[in-house]
N, C-alpha and C. Protein backbone atom coordinates (compact mmCIF):
# COMPACT_ATOMS: atom_id res chain seq x y z
N MET A 1 -14.27 -7.42 -3.40
CA MET A 1 -13.06 -7.89 -2.74
C MET A 1 -12.03 -6.76 -2.69
N HIS A 2 -11.35 -6.66 -1.59
CA HIS A 2 -10.31 -5.65 -1.42
C HIS A 2 -9.00 -6.19 -2.01
N VAL A 3 -8.30 -5.37 -2.77
CA VAL A 3 -7.02 -5.75 -3.37
C VAL A 3 -5.89 -5.17 -2.55
N GLN A 4 -4.90 -5.99 -2.24
CA GLN A 4 -3.73 -5.58 -1.45
C GLN A 4 -2.49 -5.60 -2.34
N LYS A 5 -1.69 -4.56 -2.25
CA LYS A 5 -0.45 -4.48 -3.01
C LYS A 5 0.70 -4.94 -2.13
N LEU A 6 1.50 -5.88 -2.65
CA LEU A 6 2.65 -6.41 -1.92
C LEU A 6 3.94 -6.01 -2.62
N TYR A 7 4.95 -5.76 -1.83
CA TYR A 7 6.31 -5.50 -2.30
C TYR A 7 7.02 -6.84 -2.41
N ILE A 8 7.70 -7.08 -3.51
CA ILE A 8 8.51 -8.29 -3.69
C ILE A 8 9.95 -7.83 -3.85
N GLY A 9 10.79 -8.10 -2.86
CA GLY A 9 12.17 -7.65 -2.90
C GLY A 9 13.14 -8.80 -3.04
N ASN A 10 14.37 -8.45 -3.35
CA ASN A 10 15.48 -9.39 -3.51
C ASN A 10 15.25 -10.35 -4.67
N LEU A 11 14.58 -9.87 -5.72
CA LEU A 11 14.38 -10.68 -6.91
C LEU A 11 15.70 -10.79 -7.67
N PRO A 12 15.95 -11.93 -8.31
CA PRO A 12 17.11 -12.01 -9.19
C PRO A 12 16.95 -10.98 -10.32
N TYR A 13 18.01 -10.35 -10.73
CA TYR A 13 17.92 -9.32 -11.76
C TYR A 13 17.44 -9.88 -13.09
N ARG A 14 17.63 -11.15 -13.33
CA ARG A 14 17.21 -11.77 -14.58
C ARG A 14 15.77 -12.29 -14.54
N ALA A 15 15.08 -12.13 -13.42
CA ALA A 15 13.69 -12.62 -13.29
C ALA A 15 12.77 -11.90 -14.27
N THR A 16 11.90 -12.66 -14.90
CA THR A 16 10.94 -12.08 -15.83
C THR A 16 9.58 -11.98 -15.16
N GLU A 17 8.72 -11.15 -15.73
CA GLU A 17 7.37 -11.01 -15.22
C GLU A 17 6.64 -12.36 -15.26
N GLU A 18 6.86 -13.10 -16.32
CA GLU A 18 6.22 -14.42 -16.46
C GLU A 18 6.65 -15.37 -15.33
N GLU A 19 7.93 -15.38 -14.99
CA GLU A 19 8.43 -16.24 -13.92
C GLU A 19 7.86 -15.85 -12.56
N VAL A 20 7.77 -14.56 -12.30
CA VAL A 20 7.24 -14.08 -11.01
C VAL A 20 5.74 -14.37 -10.94
N ARG A 21 5.05 -14.18 -12.04
CA ARG A 21 3.61 -14.48 -12.09
C ARG A 21 3.39 -15.97 -11.79
N GLU A 22 4.22 -16.81 -12.38
CA GLU A 22 4.12 -18.26 -12.15
C GLU A 22 4.37 -18.61 -10.68
N LEU A 23 5.27 -17.90 -10.06
CA LEU A 23 5.60 -18.11 -8.66
C LEU A 23 4.40 -17.87 -7.74
N PHE A 24 3.51 -16.97 -8.16
CA PHE A 24 2.35 -16.59 -7.35
C PHE A 24 1.04 -17.22 -7.85
N THR A 25 1.09 -18.24 -8.68
CA THR A 25 -0.14 -18.83 -9.24
C THR A 25 -1.04 -19.42 -8.17
N ASN A 26 -0.51 -19.85 -7.04
CA ASN A 26 -1.34 -20.40 -5.97
C ASN A 26 -2.18 -19.33 -5.27
N TYR A 27 -1.92 -18.06 -5.57
CA TYR A 27 -2.59 -16.97 -4.87
C TYR A 27 -3.43 -16.11 -5.81
N GLU A 28 -3.79 -16.66 -6.96
CA GLU A 28 -4.59 -15.93 -7.96
C GLU A 28 -5.98 -15.64 -7.44
N PRO A 29 -6.64 -14.65 -8.02
CA PRO A 29 -6.25 -13.91 -9.21
C PRO A 29 -5.22 -12.82 -8.92
N ILE A 30 -4.33 -12.64 -9.86
CA ILE A 30 -3.34 -11.56 -9.79
C ILE A 30 -3.93 -10.37 -10.54
N HIS A 31 -4.12 -9.27 -9.84
CA HIS A 31 -4.72 -8.08 -10.46
C HIS A 31 -3.69 -7.24 -11.20
N ALA A 32 -2.45 -7.25 -10.72
CA ALA A 32 -1.39 -6.49 -11.38
C ALA A 32 -0.04 -7.00 -10.91
N LEU A 33 0.95 -6.90 -11.77
CA LEU A 33 2.32 -7.27 -11.44
C LEU A 33 3.24 -6.31 -12.18
N THR A 34 4.15 -5.70 -11.44
CA THR A 34 5.09 -4.75 -12.03
C THR A 34 6.48 -5.04 -11.50
N LEU A 35 7.43 -5.24 -12.39
CA LEU A 35 8.83 -5.35 -12.01
C LEU A 35 9.48 -4.01 -12.33
N ILE A 36 10.23 -3.48 -11.38
CA ILE A 36 10.79 -2.14 -11.51
C ILE A 36 12.16 -2.18 -12.20
N SER A 37 12.32 -1.27 -13.16
CA SER A 37 13.59 -1.13 -13.88
C SER A 37 14.13 0.28 -13.69
N ASP A 38 15.43 0.42 -13.82
CA ASP A 38 16.07 1.72 -13.73
C ASP A 38 15.59 2.59 -14.89
N ARG A 39 15.22 3.82 -14.61
CA ARG A 39 14.70 4.72 -15.65
C ARG A 39 15.72 5.02 -16.74
N GLU A 40 16.97 5.16 -16.35
CA GLU A 40 18.00 5.56 -17.31
C GLU A 40 18.56 4.39 -18.09
N THR A 41 18.85 3.28 -17.42
CA THR A 41 19.51 2.15 -18.09
C THR A 41 18.53 1.08 -18.56
N GLY A 42 17.34 1.03 -17.96
CA GLY A 42 16.38 0.00 -18.31
C GLY A 42 16.67 -1.34 -17.64
N ARG A 43 17.71 -1.40 -16.83
CA ARG A 43 18.07 -2.65 -16.15
C ARG A 43 17.14 -2.89 -14.97
N PRO A 44 16.82 -4.17 -14.71
CA PRO A 44 15.96 -4.51 -13.56
C PRO A 44 16.62 -4.06 -12.26
N ARG A 45 15.79 -3.63 -11.31
CA ARG A 45 16.29 -3.16 -10.02
C ARG A 45 16.20 -4.21 -8.93
N GLY A 46 15.60 -5.38 -9.24
CA GLY A 46 15.57 -6.46 -8.26
C GLY A 46 14.38 -6.42 -7.32
N TYR A 47 13.35 -5.66 -7.69
CA TYR A 47 12.14 -5.67 -6.88
C TYR A 47 10.94 -5.34 -7.75
N GLY A 48 9.77 -5.56 -7.18
CA GLY A 48 8.54 -5.27 -7.91
C GLY A 48 7.36 -5.27 -6.97
N PHE A 49 6.17 -5.21 -7.55
CA PHE A 49 4.93 -5.16 -6.79
C PHE A 49 3.91 -6.08 -7.43
N ILE A 50 3.09 -6.70 -6.59
CA ILE A 50 2.02 -7.56 -7.06
C ILE A 50 0.75 -7.20 -6.31
N GLU A 51 -0.38 -7.25 -6.99
CA GLU A 51 -1.66 -6.95 -6.36
C GLU A 51 -2.51 -8.22 -6.35
N LEU A 52 -2.91 -8.63 -5.14
CA LEU A 52 -3.72 -9.84 -4.93
C LEU A 52 -4.93 -9.48 -4.08
N GLU A 53 -5.96 -10.32 -4.15
CA GLU A 53 -7.12 -10.11 -3.30
C GLU A 53 -6.73 -10.36 -1.85
N GLU A 54 -7.35 -9.59 -0.96
CA GLU A 54 -6.94 -9.51 0.45
C GLU A 54 -6.66 -10.84 1.15
N PRO A 55 -7.55 -11.80 1.21
CA PRO A 55 -7.18 -12.99 1.99
C PRO A 55 -5.98 -13.72 1.40
N MET A 56 -5.88 -13.77 0.09
CA MET A 56 -4.76 -14.46 -0.55
C MET A 56 -3.46 -13.66 -0.43
N ALA A 57 -3.56 -12.34 -0.39
CA ALA A 57 -2.37 -11.51 -0.27
C ALA A 57 -1.67 -11.77 1.06
N VAL A 58 -2.44 -11.87 2.13
CA VAL A 58 -1.86 -12.14 3.45
C VAL A 58 -1.22 -13.52 3.47
N THR A 59 -1.92 -14.50 2.92
CA THR A 59 -1.38 -15.86 2.85
C THR A 59 -0.09 -15.89 2.04
N ALA A 60 -0.09 -15.22 0.89
CA ALA A 60 1.09 -15.17 0.03
C ALA A 60 2.25 -14.49 0.72
N MET A 61 1.96 -13.41 1.45
CA MET A 61 3.02 -12.65 2.11
C MET A 61 3.79 -13.55 3.08
N TYR A 62 3.07 -14.34 3.87
CA TYR A 62 3.75 -15.21 4.84
C TYR A 62 4.36 -16.44 4.19
N ALA A 63 3.69 -17.00 3.19
CA ALA A 63 4.19 -18.21 2.54
C ALA A 63 5.42 -17.95 1.68
N MET A 64 5.49 -16.78 1.06
CA MET A 64 6.57 -16.49 0.12
C MET A 64 7.77 -15.80 0.76
N GLU A 65 7.62 -15.29 1.97
CA GLU A 65 8.74 -14.63 2.67
C GLU A 65 9.90 -15.61 2.81
N ASN A 66 11.07 -15.20 2.38
CA ASN A 66 12.31 -15.99 2.42
C ASN A 66 12.30 -17.21 1.51
N LYS A 67 11.31 -17.33 0.62
CA LYS A 67 11.30 -18.44 -0.34
C LYS A 67 12.47 -18.26 -1.30
N MET A 68 13.16 -19.34 -1.58
CA MET A 68 14.30 -19.30 -2.49
C MET A 68 13.79 -19.22 -3.93
N PHE A 69 14.27 -18.22 -4.67
CA PHE A 69 13.88 -18.04 -6.07
C PHE A 69 15.10 -17.52 -6.83
N GLY A 70 15.56 -18.31 -7.78
CA GLY A 70 16.71 -17.90 -8.57
C GLY A 70 17.96 -17.69 -7.75
N GLY A 71 18.11 -18.48 -6.67
CA GLY A 71 19.29 -18.38 -5.82
C GLY A 71 19.24 -17.27 -4.79
N ARG A 72 18.08 -16.62 -4.64
CA ARG A 72 17.94 -15.52 -3.68
C ARG A 72 16.71 -15.73 -2.81
N ASN A 73 16.78 -15.28 -1.56
CA ASN A 73 15.64 -15.36 -0.65
C ASN A 73 14.76 -14.13 -0.85
N LEU A 74 13.51 -14.37 -1.22
CA LEU A 74 12.59 -13.27 -1.46
C LEU A 74 12.24 -12.54 -0.17
N LYS A 75 11.97 -11.26 -0.29
CA LYS A 75 11.48 -10.43 0.82
C LYS A 75 10.10 -9.93 0.40
N ILE A 76 9.09 -10.29 1.15
CA ILE A 76 7.72 -9.92 0.82
C ILE A 76 7.12 -9.12 1.98
N SER A 77 6.48 -8.02 1.65
CA SER A 77 5.80 -7.22 2.67
C SER A 77 4.68 -6.43 2.02
N ARG A 78 3.85 -5.83 2.84
CA ARG A 78 2.82 -4.95 2.30
C ARG A 78 3.50 -3.72 1.72
N ALA A 79 3.04 -3.33 0.57
CA ALA A 79 3.60 -2.13 -0.07
C ALA A 79 3.14 -0.90 0.70
N ILE A 80 4.02 0.06 0.82
CA ILE A 80 3.71 1.32 1.52
C ILE A 80 3.66 2.42 0.47
N ARG A 81 2.58 3.15 0.43
CA ARG A 81 2.47 4.28 -0.50
C ARG A 81 3.52 5.31 -0.16
N ARG A 82 4.03 5.96 -1.17
CA ARG A 82 5.04 6.99 -0.93
C ARG A 82 4.54 8.04 0.05
N SER A 83 3.26 8.39 -0.03
CA SER A 83 2.71 9.41 0.86
C SER A 83 2.67 8.95 2.31
N GLU A 84 2.71 7.62 2.55
CA GLU A 84 2.66 7.09 3.91
C GLU A 84 4.06 7.00 4.55
N LYS A 85 5.10 7.06 3.71
CA LYS A 85 6.45 6.99 4.24
C LYS A 85 6.75 8.27 5.00
N GLN A 86 7.47 8.14 6.08
CA GLN A 86 7.86 9.31 6.84
C GLN A 86 9.33 9.58 6.61
N CYS A 87 9.65 10.79 6.38
CA CYS A 87 11.04 11.17 6.15
C CYS A 87 11.62 11.71 7.45
N PHE A 88 12.73 11.15 7.86
CA PHE A 88 13.38 11.57 9.09
C PHE A 88 14.67 12.31 8.83
N TYR A 89 14.89 12.75 7.59
CA TYR A 89 16.14 13.39 7.23
C TYR A 89 15.96 14.90 7.11
N GLY A 90 17.01 15.58 7.46
CA GLY A 90 17.14 17.02 7.20
C GLY A 90 15.92 17.86 7.49
N GLY A 91 15.82 18.90 6.77
CA GLY A 91 14.69 19.80 6.92
C GLY A 91 14.91 20.80 8.03
N GLY A 92 14.63 21.98 7.79
CA GLY A 92 14.78 23.02 8.81
C GLY A 92 13.50 23.18 9.58
N GLY A 93 13.25 24.34 9.99
CA GLY A 93 11.96 24.54 10.58
C GLY A 93 11.91 25.37 11.76
């Protein structure tokens, strides 16, 4: 089975990994879940990533988009690898 990584944005800052995992129980198995924290302060940054098997990842992406969680509407999309992002700023040449 192919595993797809999804971006979960607009998470409440107080959300725990356990709460987010519970939110996605209908789309198991969950291969990985990471909530991102600030490197310097350790405070949650309000987003994370989850890895689900391909057919369930697509279903979860559409079902969970704009779902209310902790008073905030979630933003769900396919995660983009840093190497795939294109930079349109500066640079000489």
